[in-house]
PDB file of all heavy atoms in Angstrom:
ATOM      1  N   LYS A   1    -100.540 -64.314 -58.340  1.00  0.00           N
ATOM      2  CA  LYS A   1     -99.286 -64.919 -57.882  1.00  0.00           C
ATOM      3  C   LYS A   1     -99.090 -64.661 -56.386  1.00  0.00           C
ATOM      4  O   LYS A   1     -99.432 -63.613 -55.881  1.00  0.00           O
ATOM      5  CB  LYS A   1     -98.105 -64.306 -58.629  1.00  0.00           C
ATOM      6  CG  LYS A   1     -98.015 -64.663 -60.065  1.00  0.00           C
ATOM      7  CD  LYS A   1     -96.769 -64.050 -60.663  1.00  0.00           C
ATOM      8  CE  LYS A   1     -96.690 -64.281 -62.145  1.00  0.00           C
ATOM      9  NZ  LYS A   1     -95.517 -63.652 -62.729  1.00  0.00           N
ATOM     10  N   LYS A   2     -98.498 -65.645 -55.714  1.00  0.00           N
ATOM     11  CA  LYS A   2     -98.185 -65.469 -54.306  1.00  0.00           C
ATOM     12  C   LYS A   2     -96.954 -64.580 -54.185  1.00  0.00           C
ATOM     13  O   LYS A   2     -95.989 -64.715 -54.913  1.00  0.00           O
ATOM     14  CB  LYS A   2     -97.888 -66.824 -53.657  1.00  0.00           C
ATOM     15  CG  LYS A   2     -97.506 -66.683 -52.198  1.00  0.00           C
ATOM     16  CD  LYS A   2     -97.549 -68.007 -51.487  1.00  0.00           C
ATOM     17  CE  LYS A   2     -97.047 -67.992 -50.079  1.00  0.00           C
ATOM     18  NZ  LYS A   2     -97.342 -66.891 -49.226  1.00  0.00           N
ATOM     19  N   ARG A   3     -97.040 -63.634 -53.265  1.00  0.00           N
ATOM     20  CA  ARG A   3     -95.887 -62.766 -52.965  1.00  0.00           C
ATOM     21  C   ARG A   3     -95.182 -63.333 -51.747  1.00  0.00           C
ATOM     22  O   ARG A   3     -95.800 -63.605 -50.728  1.00  0.00           O
ATOM     23  CB  ARG A   3     -96.364 -61.337 -52.704  1.00  0.00           C
ATOM     24  CG  ARG A   3     -96.785 -60.614 -53.964  1.00  0.00           C
ATOM     25  CD  ARG A   3     -97.264 -59.199 -53.691  1.00  0.00           C
ATOM     26  NE  ARG A   3     -96.356 -58.416 -52.868  1.00  0.00           N
ATOM     27  CZ  ARG A   3     -95.320 -57.699 -53.334  1.00  0.00           C
ATOM     28  NH1 ARG A   3     -95.061 -57.682 -54.610  1.00  0.00           N
ATOM     29  NH2 ARG A   3     -94.578 -56.995 -52.524  1.00  0.00           N
ATOM     30  N   TYR A   4     -93.879 -63.490 -51.863  1.00  0.00           N
ATOM     31  CA  TYR A   4     -93.087 -64.024 -50.771  1.00  0.00           C
ATOM     32  C   TYR A   4     -92.337 -62.910 -50.064  1.00  0.00           C
ATOM     33  O   TYR A   4     -92.039 -61.874 -50.651  1.00  0.00           O
ATOM     34  CB  TYR A   4     -92.082 -65.057 -51.307  1.00  0.00           C
ATOM     35  CG  TYR A   4     -92.754 -66.310 -51.800  1.00  0.00           C
ATOM     36  CD1 TYR A   4     -92.910 -66.534 -53.158  1.00  0.00           C
ATOM     37  CD2 TYR A   4     -93.223 -67.274 -50.906  1.00  0.00           C
ATOM     38  CE1 TYR A   4     -93.537 -67.686 -53.622  1.00  0.00           C
ATOM     39  CE2 TYR A   4     -93.841 -68.427 -51.358  1.00  0.00           C
ATOM     40  CZ  TYR A   4     -93.985 -68.624 -52.727  1.00  0.00           C
ATOM     41  OH  TYR A   4     -94.615 -69.755 -53.168  1.00  0.00           O
ATOM     42  N   ASP A   5     -92.030 -63.181 -48.807  1.00  0.00           N
ATOM     43  CA  ASP A   5     -91.173 -62.304 -48.014  1.00  0.00           C
ATOM     44  C   ASP A   5     -89.784 -62.932 -48.071  1.00  0.00           C
ATOM     45  O   ASP A   5     -89.568 -64.026 -47.558  1.00  0.00           O
ATOM     46  CB  ASP A   5     -91.703 -62.254 -46.579  1.00  0.00           C
ATOM     47  CG  ASP A   5     -91.000 -61.222 -45.709  1.00  0.00           C
ATOM     48  OD1 ASP A   5     -89.937 -60.713 -46.125  1.00  0.00           O
ATOM     49  OD2 ASP A   5     -91.505 -60.932 -44.626  1.00  0.00           O
ATOM     50  N   ILE A   6     -88.847 -62.234 -48.740  1.00  0.00           N
ATOM     51  CA  ILE A   6     -87.521 -62.789 -49.005  1.00  0.00           C
ATOM     52  C   ILE A   6     -86.457 -61.905 -48.379  1.00  0.00           C
ATOM     53  O   ILE A   6     -86.483 -60.694 -48.536  1.00  0.00           O
ATOM     54  CB  ILE A   6     -87.282 -62.905 -50.522  1.00  0.00           C
ATOM     55  CG1 ILE A   6     -88.360 -63.772 -51.170  1.00  0.00           C
ATOM     56  CG2 ILE A   6     -85.884 -63.445 -50.806  1.00  0.00           C
ATOM     57  CD1 ILE A   6     -88.354 -63.738 -52.683  1.00  0.00           C
ATOM     58  N   ALA A   7     -85.523 -62.525 -47.678  1.00  0.00           N
ATOM     59  CA  ALA A   7     -84.367 -61.812 -47.143  1.00  0.00           C
ATOM     60  C   ALA A   7     -83.149 -62.198 -47.972  1.00  0.00           C
ATOM     61  O   ALA A   7     -82.975 -63.361 -48.317  1.00  0.00           O
ATOM     62  CB  ALA A   7     -84.142 -62.172 -45.680  1.00  0.00           C
ATOM     63  N   VAL A   8     -82.329 -61.202 -48.293  1.00  0.00           N
ATOM     64  CA  VAL A   8     -81.098 -61.445 -49.038  1.00  0.00           C
ATOM     65  C   VAL A   8     -79.938 -60.998 -48.176  1.00  0.00           C
ATOM     66  O   VAL A   8     -79.824 -59.815 -47.836  1.00  0.00           O
ATOM     67  CB  VAL A   8     -81.083 -60.720 -50.396  1.00  0.00           C
ATOM     68  CG1 VAL A   8     -79.764 -60.940 -51.108  1.00  0.00           C
ATOM     69  CG2 VAL A   8     -82.260 -61.169 -51.263  1.00  0.00           C
ATOM     70  N   ALA A   9     -79.080 -61.935 -47.799  1.00  0.00           N
ATOM     71  CA  ALA A   9     -77.912 -61.647 -46.957  1.00  0.00           C
ATOM     72  C   ALA A   9     -76.743 -61.268 -47.847  1.00  0.00           C
ATOM     73  O   ALA A   9     -76.240 -62.098 -48.609  1.00  0.00           O
ATOM     74  CB  ALA A   9     -77.559 -62.866 -46.112  1.00  0.00           C
ATOM     75  N   GLY A  10     -76.359 -60.012 -47.801  1.00  0.00           N
ATOM     76  CA  GLY A  10     -75.242 -59.524 -48.596  1.00  0.00           C
ATOM     77  C   GLY A  10     -75.723 -58.646 -49.742  1.00  0.00           C
ATOM     78  O   GLY A  10     -76.647 -59.021 -50.458  1.00  0.00           O
ATOM     79  N   THR A  11     -75.097 -57.490 -49.896  1.00  0.00           N
ATOM     80  CA  THR A  11     -75.506 -56.575 -50.953  1.00  0.00           C
ATOM     81  C   THR A  11     -74.350 -56.220 -51.889  1.00  0.00           C
ATOM     82  O   THR A  11     -74.204 -55.094 -52.320  1.00  0.00           O
ATOM     83  CB  THR A  11     -76.129 -55.272 -50.362  1.00  0.00           C
ATOM     84  OG1 THR A  11     -75.157 -54.609 -49.562  1.00  0.00           O
ATOM     85  CG2 THR A  11     -77.370 -55.567 -49.555  1.00  0.00           C
ATOM     86  N   GLY A  12     -73.561 -57.242 -52.200  1.00  0.00           N
ATOM     87  CA  GLY A  12     -72.542 -57.083 -53.244  1.00  0.00           C
ATOM     88  C   GLY A  12     -73.216 -57.240 -54.596  1.00  0.00           C
ATOM     89  O   GLY A  12     -74.436 -57.139 -54.733  1.00  0.00           O
ATOM     90  N   HIS A  13     -72.422 -57.516 -55.619  1.00  0.00           N
ATOM     91  CA  HIS A  13     -72.986 -57.652 -56.967  1.00  0.00           C
ATOM     92  C   HIS A  13     -74.060 -58.744 -57.047  1.00  0.00           C
ATOM     93  O   HIS A  13     -75.129 -58.519 -57.605  1.00  0.00           O
ATOM     94  CB  HIS A  13     -71.875 -57.957 -57.976  1.00  0.00           C
ATOM     95  CG  HIS A  13     -71.140 -56.745 -58.416  1.00  0.00           C
ATOM     96  ND1 HIS A  13     -69.983 -56.336 -57.803  1.00  0.00           N
ATOM     97  CD2 HIS A  13     -71.397 -55.851 -59.380  1.00  0.00           C
ATOM     98  CE1 HIS A  13     -69.551 -55.228 -58.373  1.00  0.00           C
ATOM     99  NE2 HIS A  13     -70.391 -54.907 -59.343  1.00  0.00           N
ATOM    100  N   VAL A  14     -73.777 -59.887 -56.485  1.00  0.00           N
ATOM    101  CA  VAL A  14     -74.735 -60.994 -56.575  1.00  0.00           C
ATOM    102  C   VAL A  14     -75.976 -60.727 -55.720  1.00  0.00           C
ATOM    103  O   VAL A  14     -77.101 -60.815 -56.197  1.00  0.00           O
ATOM    104  CB  VAL A  14     -74.067 -62.327 -56.167  1.00  0.00           C
ATOM    105  CG1 VAL A  14     -75.085 -63.455 -56.101  1.00  0.00           C
ATOM    106  CG2 VAL A  14     -72.958 -62.675 -57.149  1.00  0.00           C
ATOM    107  N   GLY A  15     -75.780 -60.389 -54.461  1.00  0.00           N
ATOM    108  CA  GLY A  15     -76.912 -60.173 -53.559  1.00  0.00           C
ATOM    109  C   GLY A  15     -77.813 -59.034 -53.998  1.00  0.00           C
ATOM    110  O   GLY A  15     -79.041 -59.163 -53.994  1.00  0.00           O
ATOM    111  N   LEU A  16     -77.218 -57.927 -54.390  1.00  0.00           N
ATOM    112  CA  LEU A  16     -78.033 -56.766 -54.774  1.00  0.00           C
ATOM    113  C   LEU A  16     -78.732 -57.015 -56.105  1.00  0.00           C
ATOM    114  O   LEU A  16     -79.869 -56.579 -56.299  1.00  0.00           O
ATOM    115  CB  LEU A  16     -77.187 -55.494 -54.826  1.00  0.00           C
ATOM    116  CG  LEU A  16     -77.971 -54.190 -54.889  1.00  0.00           C
ATOM    117  CD1 LEU A  16     -79.014 -54.081 -53.783  1.00  0.00           C
ATOM    118  CD2 LEU A  16     -77.018 -53.001 -54.830  1.00  0.00           C
ATOM    119  N   SER A  17     -78.109 -57.759 -57.009  1.00  0.00           N
ATOM    120  CA  SER A  17     -78.756 -58.120 -58.271  1.00  0.00           C
ATOM    121  C   SER A  17     -79.990 -58.985 -57.996  1.00  0.00           C
ATOM    122  O   SER A  17     -81.072 -58.741 -58.530  1.00  0.00           O
ATOM    123  CB  SER A  17     -77.800 -58.889 -59.182  1.00  0.00           C
ATOM    124  OG  SER A  17     -76.730 -58.088 -59.571  1.00  0.00           O
ATOM    125  N   ILE A  18     -79.803 -60.003 -57.166  1.00  0.00           N
ATOM    126  CA  ILE A  18     -80.920 -60.896 -56.823  1.00  0.00           C
ATOM    127  C   ILE A  18     -82.018 -60.118 -56.120  1.00  0.00           C
ATOM    128  O   ILE A  18     -83.207 -60.254 -56.446  1.00  0.00           O
ATOM    129  CB  ILE A  18     -80.414 -62.064 -55.951  1.00  0.00           C
ATOM    130  CG1 ILE A  18     -79.529 -62.987 -56.796  1.00  0.00           C
ATOM    131  CG2 ILE A  18     -81.569 -62.836 -55.320  1.00  0.00           C
ATOM    132  CD1 ILE A  18     -78.767 -64.017 -55.996  1.00  0.00           C
ATOM    133  N   ALA A  19     -81.647 -59.294 -55.140  1.00  0.00           N
ATOM    134  CA  ALA A  19     -82.642 -58.525 -54.397  1.00  0.00           C
ATOM    135  C   ALA A  19     -83.442 -57.593 -55.303  1.00  0.00           C
ATOM    136  O   ALA A  19     -84.664 -57.505 -55.186  1.00  0.00           O
ATOM    137  CB  ALA A  19     -81.944 -57.707 -53.306  1.00  0.00           C
ATOM    138  N   THR A  20     -82.753 -56.936 -56.223  1.00  0.00           N
ATOM    139  CA  THR A  20     -83.424 -56.000 -57.122  1.00  0.00           C
ATOM    140  C   THR A  20     -84.408 -56.720 -58.044  1.00  0.00           C
ATOM    141  O   THR A  20     -85.528 -56.250 -58.242  1.00  0.00           O
ATOM    142  CB  THR A  20     -82.378 -55.244 -57.975  1.00  0.00           C
ATOM    143  OG1 THR A  20     -81.319 -54.822 -57.147  1.00  0.00           O
ATOM    144  CG2 THR A  20     -82.963 -54.019 -58.587  1.00  0.00           C
ATOM    145  N   LEU A  21     -83.982 -57.841 -58.576  1.00  0.00           N
ATOM    146  CA  LEU A  21     -84.869 -58.591 -59.472  1.00  0.00           C
ATOM    147  C   LEU A  21     -86.072 -59.164 -58.731  1.00  0.00           C
ATOM    148  O   LEU A  21     -87.208 -59.049 -59.189  1.00  0.00           O
ATOM    149  CB  LEU A  21     -84.097 -59.708 -60.174  1.00  0.00           C
ATOM    150  CG  LEU A  21     -83.064 -59.231 -61.185  1.00  0.00           C
ATOM    151  CD1 LEU A  21     -82.225 -60.399 -61.685  1.00  0.00           C
ATOM    152  CD2 LEU A  21     -83.730 -58.521 -62.357  1.00  0.00           C
ATOM    153  N   LEU A  22     -85.843 -59.763 -57.561  1.00  0.00           N
ATOM    154  CA  LEU A  22     -86.945 -60.344 -56.796  1.00  0.00           C
ATOM    155  C   LEU A  22     -87.913 -59.300 -56.280  1.00  0.00           C
ATOM    156  O   LEU A  22     -89.112 -59.559 -56.141  1.00  0.00           O
ATOM    157  CB  LEU A  22     -86.394 -61.174 -55.627  1.00  0.00           C
ATOM    158  CG  LEU A  22     -85.683 -62.475 -56.000  1.00  0.00           C
ATOM    159  CD1 LEU A  22     -85.015 -63.078 -54.771  1.00  0.00           C
ATOM    160  CD2 LEU A  22     -86.660 -63.456 -56.633  1.00  0.00           C
ATOM    161  N   ALA A  23     -87.424 -58.088 -55.987  1.00  0.00           N
ATOM    162  CA  ALA A  23     -88.251 -57.031 -55.425  1.00  0.00           C
ATOM    163  C   ALA A  23     -89.283 -56.487 -56.408  1.00  0.00           C
ATOM    164  O   ALA A  23     -90.158 -55.731 -56.019  1.00  0.00           O
ATOM    165  CB  ALA A  23     -87.378 -55.900 -54.898  1.00  0.00           C
ATOM    166  N   GLN A  24     -89.212 -56.894 -57.649  1.00  0.00           N
ATOM    167  CA  GLN A  24     -90.241 -56.496 -58.603  1.00  0.00           C
ATOM    168  C   GLN A  24     -91.566 -57.190 -58.321  1.00  0.00           C
ATOM    169  O   GLN A  24     -92.614 -56.642 -58.652  1.00  0.00           O
ATOM    170  CB  GLN A  24     -89.779 -56.831 -60.025  1.00  0.00           C
ATOM    171  CG  GLN A  24     -88.604 -56.010 -60.483  1.00  0.00           C
ATOM    172  CD  GLN A  24     -88.183 -56.417 -61.865  1.00  0.00           C
ATOM    173  OE1 GLN A  24     -88.758 -55.962 -62.847  1.00  0.00           O
ATOM    174  NE2 GLN A  24     -87.190 -57.292 -61.930  1.00  0.00           N
ATOM    175  N   ASN A  25     -91.507 -58.386 -57.713  1.00  0.00           N
ATOM    176  CA  ASN A  25     -92.720 -59.169 -57.479  1.00  0.00           C
ATOM    177  C   ASN A  25     -92.884 -59.666 -56.056  1.00  0.00           C
ATOM    178  O   ASN A  25     -93.879 -60.318 -55.754  1.00  0.00           O
ATOM    179  CB  ASN A  25     -92.738 -60.378 -58.421  1.00  0.00           C
ATOM    180  CG  ASN A  25     -92.814 -59.956 -59.858  1.00  0.00           C
ATOM    181  OD1 ASN A  25     -93.747 -59.271 -60.258  1.00  0.00           O
ATOM    182  ND2 ASN A  25     -91.824 -60.343 -60.644  1.00  0.00           N
ATOM    183  N   HIS A  26     -91.889 -59.410 -55.204  1.00  0.00           N
ATOM    184  CA  HIS A  26     -91.935 -59.897 -53.829  1.00  0.00           C
ATOM    185  C   HIS A  26     -91.408 -58.831 -52.884  1.00  0.00           C
ATOM    186  O   HIS A  26     -90.720 -57.905 -53.295  1.00  0.00           O
ATOM    187  CB  HIS A  26     -91.082 -61.170 -53.688  1.00  0.00           C
ATOM    188  CG  HIS A  26     -91.494 -62.246 -54.642  1.00  0.00           C
ATOM    189  ND1 HIS A  26     -92.606 -63.024 -54.442  1.00  0.00           N
ATOM    190  CD2 HIS A  26     -90.950 -62.644 -55.820  1.00  0.00           C
ATOM    191  CE1 HIS A  26     -92.728 -63.869 -55.447  1.00  0.00           C
ATOM    192  NE2 HIS A  26     -91.742 -63.657 -56.304  1.00  0.00           N
ATOM    193  N   LYS A  27     -91.704 -59.013 -51.589  1.00  0.00           N
ATOM    194  CA  LYS A  27     -91.169 -58.122 -50.558  1.00  0.00           C
ATOM    195  C   LYS A  27     -89.763 -58.614 -50.215  1.00  0.00           C
ATOM    196  O   LYS A  27     -89.593 -59.742 -49.755  1.00  0.00           O
ATOM    197  CB  LYS A  27     -92.050 -58.153 -49.319  1.00  0.00           C
ATOM    198  CG  LYS A  27     -91.544 -57.266 -48.219  1.00  0.00           C
ATOM    199  CD  LYS A  27     -92.406 -57.347 -46.985  1.00  0.00           C
ATOM    200  CE  LYS A  27     -91.802 -56.449 -45.921  1.00  0.00           C
ATOM    201  NZ  LYS A  27     -92.127 -56.901 -44.595  1.00  0.00           N
ATOM    202  N   VAL A  28     -88.772 -57.759 -50.439  1.00  0.00           N
ATOM    203  CA  VAL A  28     -87.389 -58.159 -50.231  1.00  0.00           C
ATOM    204  C   VAL A  28     -86.723 -57.250 -49.188  1.00  0.00           C
ATOM    205  O   VAL A  28     -86.832 -56.030 -49.262  1.00  0.00           O
ATOM    206  CB  VAL A  28     -86.579 -58.106 -51.550  1.00  0.00           C
ATOM    207  CG1 VAL A  28     -85.122 -58.448 -51.310  1.00  0.00           C
ATOM    208  CG2 VAL A  28     -87.188 -59.052 -52.581  1.00  0.00           C
ATOM    209  N   THR A  29     -86.039 -57.884 -48.250  1.00  0.00           N
ATOM    210  CA  THR A  29     -85.232 -57.168 -47.278  1.00  0.00           C
ATOM    211  C   THR A  29     -83.787 -57.562 -47.504  1.00  0.00           C
ATOM    212  O   THR A  29     -83.429 -58.731 -47.383  1.00  0.00           O
ATOM    213  CB  THR A  29     -85.648 -57.522 -45.831  1.00  0.00           C
ATOM    214  OG1 THR A  29     -87.051 -57.261 -45.677  1.00  0.00           O
ATOM    215  CG2 THR A  29     -84.853 -56.705 -44.821  1.00  0.00           C
ATOM    216  N   ALA A  30     -82.973 -56.572 -47.861  1.00  0.00           N
ATOM    217  CA  ALA A  30     -81.538 -56.802 -48.078  1.00  0.00           C
ATOM    218  C   ALA A  30     -80.806 -56.541 -46.773  1.00  0.00           C
ATOM    219  O   ALA A  30     -81.029 -55.516 -46.134  1.00  0.00           O
ATOM    220  CB  ALA A  30     -81.029 -55.886 -49.175  1.00  0.00           C
ATOM    221  N   VAL A  31     -79.946 -57.456 -46.379  1.00  0.00           N
ATOM    222  CA  VAL A  31     -79.228 -57.348 -45.104  1.00  0.00           C
ATOM    223  C   VAL A  31     -77.742 -57.142 -45.377  1.00  0.00           C
ATOM    224  O   VAL A  31     -77.151 -57.867 -46.186  1.00  0.00           O
ATOM    225  CB  VAL A  31     -79.420 -58.623 -44.259  1.00  0.00           C
ATOM    226  CG1 VAL A  31     -78.685 -58.500 -42.935  1.00  0.00           C
ATOM    227  CG2 VAL A  31     -80.905 -58.901 -44.035  1.00  0.00           C
ATOM    228  N   ASP A  32     -77.164 -56.164 -44.714  1.00  0.00           N
ATOM    229  CA  ASP A  32     -75.726 -55.943 -44.816  1.00  0.00           C
ATOM    230  C   ASP A  32     -75.210 -55.467 -43.471  1.00  0.00           C
ATOM    231  O   ASP A  32     -75.999 -55.100 -42.584  1.00  0.00           O
ATOM    232  CB  ASP A  32     -75.398 -54.925 -45.908  1.00  0.00           C
ATOM    233  CG  ASP A  32     -74.008 -55.159 -46.503  1.00  0.00           C
ATOM    234  OD1 ASP A  32     -73.003 -54.934 -45.804  1.00  0.00           O
ATOM    235  OD2 ASP A  32     -73.942 -55.605 -47.658  1.00  0.00           O
ATOM    236  N   ILE A  33     -73.896 -55.486 -43.308  1.00  0.00           N
ATOM    237  CA  ILE A  33     -73.289 -55.048 -42.045  1.00  0.00           C
ATOM    238  C   ILE A  33     -72.675 -53.654 -42.174  1.00  0.00           C
ATOM    239  O   ILE A  33     -72.142 -53.134 -41.205  1.00  0.00           O
ATOM    240  CB  ILE A  33     -72.226 -56.055 -41.576  1.00  0.00           C
ATOM    241  CG1 ILE A  33     -71.104 -56.205 -42.605  1.00  0.00           C
ATOM    242  CG2 ILE A  33     -72.856 -57.398 -41.243  1.00  0.00           C
ATOM    243  CD1 ILE A  33     -69.903 -56.998 -42.125  1.00  0.00           C
ATOM    244  N   ILE A  34     -72.772 -53.053 -43.357  1.00  0.00           N
ATOM    245  CA  ILE A  34     -72.174 -51.740 -43.587  1.00  0.00           C
ATOM    246  C   ILE A  34     -73.284 -50.692 -43.650  1.00  0.00           C
ATOM    247  O   ILE A  34     -74.080 -50.671 -44.591  1.00  0.00           O
ATOM    248  CB  ILE A  34     -71.349 -51.739 -44.893  1.00  0.00           C
ATOM    249  CG1 ILE A  34     -70.239 -52.803 -44.803  1.00  0.00           C
ATOM    250  CG2 ILE A  34     -70.770 -50.351 -45.153  1.00  0.00           C
ATOM    251  CD1 ILE A  34     -69.511 -53.048 -46.098  1.00  0.00           C
ATOM    252  N   PRO A  35     -73.364 -49.826 -42.632  1.00  0.00           N
ATOM    253  CA  PRO A  35     -74.447 -48.842 -42.569  1.00  0.00           C
ATOM    254  C   PRO A  35     -74.568 -47.962 -43.812  1.00  0.00           C
ATOM    255  O   PRO A  35     -75.677 -47.640 -44.244  1.00  0.00           O
ATOM    256  CB  PRO A  35     -74.108 -48.000 -41.324  1.00  0.00           C
ATOM    257  CG  PRO A  35     -73.218 -48.865 -40.498  1.00  0.00           C
ATOM    258  CD  PRO A  35     -72.469 -49.735 -41.469  1.00  0.00           C
ATOM    259  N   GLU A  36     -73.440 -47.580 -44.400  1.00  0.00           N
ATOM    260  CA  GLU A  36     -73.481 -46.702 -45.576  1.00  0.00           C
ATOM    261  C   GLU A  36     -74.155 -47.386 -46.768  1.00  0.00           C
ATOM    262  O   GLU A  36     -74.892 -46.744 -47.516  1.00  0.00           O
ATOM    263  CB  GLU A  36     -72.051 -46.263 -45.968  1.00  0.00           C
ATOM    264  CG  GLU A  36     -71.374 -45.388 -44.940  1.00  0.00           C
ATOM    265  CD  GLU A  36     -70.744 -46.165 -43.772  1.00  0.00           C
ATOM    266  OE1 GLU A  36     -70.647 -47.407 -43.832  1.00  0.00           O
ATOM    267  OE2 GLU A  36     -70.349 -45.511 -42.781  1.00  0.00           O
ATOM    268  N   LYS A  37     -73.932 -48.684 -46.932  1.00  0.00           N
ATOM    269  CA  LYS A  37     -74.575 -49.424 -48.017  1.00  0.00           C
ATOM    270  C   LYS A  37     -76.080 -49.512 -47.792  1.00  0.00           C
ATOM    271  O   LYS A  37     -76.861 -49.320 -48.728  1.00  0.00           O
ATOM    272  CB  LYS A  37     -73.978 -50.820 -48.155  1.00  0.00           C
ATOM    273  CG  LYS A  37     -72.578 -50.836 -48.707  1.00  0.00           C
ATOM    274  CD  LYS A  37     -72.010 -52.245 -48.770  1.00  0.00           C
ATOM    275  CE  LYS A  37     -72.488 -52.966 -50.006  1.00  0.00           C
ATOM    276  NZ  LYS A  37     -71.831 -54.279 -50.189  1.00  0.00           N
ATOM    277  N   VAL A  38     -76.469 -49.781 -46.562  1.00  0.00           N
ATOM    278  CA  VAL A  38     -77.892 -49.867 -46.218  1.00  0.00           C
ATOM    279  C   VAL A  38     -78.570 -48.528 -46.498  1.00  0.00           C
ATOM    280  O   VAL A  38     -79.642 -48.474 -47.111  1.00  0.00           O
ATOM    281  CB  VAL A  38     -78.073 -50.302 -44.752  1.00  0.00           C
ATOM    282  CG1 VAL A  38     -79.503 -50.126 -44.298  1.00  0.00           C
ATOM    283  CG2 VAL A  38     -77.609 -51.746 -44.571  1.00  0.00           C
ATOM    284  N   GLU A  39     -77.941 -47.444 -46.096  1.00  0.00           N
ATOM    285  CA  GLU A  39     -78.515 -46.111 -46.314  1.00  0.00           C
ATOM    286  C   GLU A  39     -78.661 -45.800 -47.806  1.00  0.00           C
ATOM    287  O   GLU A  39     -79.690 -45.292 -48.239  1.00  0.00           O
ATOM    288  CB  GLU A  39     -77.657 -45.047 -45.641  1.00  0.00           C
ATOM    289  CG  GLU A  39     -78.241 -43.663 -45.757  1.00  0.00           C
ATOM    290  CD  GLU A  39     -77.417 -42.598 -45.033  1.00  0.00           C
ATOM    291  OE1 GLU A  39     -76.490 -42.949 -44.262  1.00  0.00           O
ATOM    292  OE2 GLU A  39     -77.704 -41.415 -45.232  1.00  0.00           O
ATOM    293  N   LEU A  40     -77.641 -46.116 -48.582  1.00  0.00           N
ATOM    294  CA  LEU A  40     -77.718 -45.879 -50.039  1.00  0.00           C
ATOM    295  C   LEU A  40     -78.875 -46.649 -50.669  1.00  0.00           C
ATOM    296  O   LEU A  40     -79.666 -46.084 -51.438  1.00  0.00           O
ATOM    297  CB  LEU A  40     -76.404 -46.267 -50.713  1.00  0.00           C
ATOM    298  CG  LEU A  40     -75.249 -45.291 -50.556  1.00  0.00           C
ATOM    299  CD1 LEU A  40     -73.945 -45.926 -51.019  1.00  0.00           C
ATOM    300  CD2 LEU A  40     -75.530 -44.012 -51.363  1.00  0.00           C
ATOM    301  N   ILE A  41     -78.995 -47.922 -50.337  1.00  0.00           N
ATOM    302  CA  ILE A  41     -80.065 -48.741 -50.912  1.00  0.00           C
ATOM    303  C   ILE A  41     -81.428 -48.185 -50.527  1.00  0.00           C
ATOM    304  O   ILE A  41     -82.336 -48.089 -51.353  1.00  0.00           O
ATOM    305  CB  ILE A  41     -79.911 -50.212 -50.493  1.00  0.00           C
ATOM    306  CG1 ILE A  41     -78.622 -50.788 -51.090  1.00  0.00           C
ATOM    307  CG2 ILE A  41     -81.129 -51.040 -50.907  1.00  0.00           C
ATOM    308  CD1 ILE A  41     -78.178 -52.100 -50.478  1.00  0.00           C
ATOM    309  N   ASN A  42     -81.590 -47.799 -49.262  1.00  0.00           N
ATOM    310  CA  ASN A  42     -82.865 -47.238 -48.814  1.00  0.00           C
ATOM    311  C   ASN A  42     -83.169 -45.889 -49.456  1.00  0.00           C
ATOM    312  O   ASN A  42     -84.329 -45.477 -49.514  1.00  0.00           O
ATOM    313  CB  ASN A  42     -82.915 -47.150 -47.285  1.00  0.00           C
ATOM    314  CG  ASN A  42     -83.090 -48.510 -46.663  1.00  0.00           C
ATOM    315  OD1 ASN A  42     -83.675 -49.413 -47.256  1.00  0.00           O
ATOM    316  ND2 ASN A  42     -82.581 -48.671 -45.465  1.00  0.00           N
TER     317      ASN A  42
END
């Protein structure tokens, strides 16, 4: 399978759900404007 590089803008319920599911098979970068959320996810 081809692996895609996917960016997800927003890490609320919808964005983080999508990012988590896609990251099982693709490279996903989640983007947010809140440093604390970014740190927690990382």
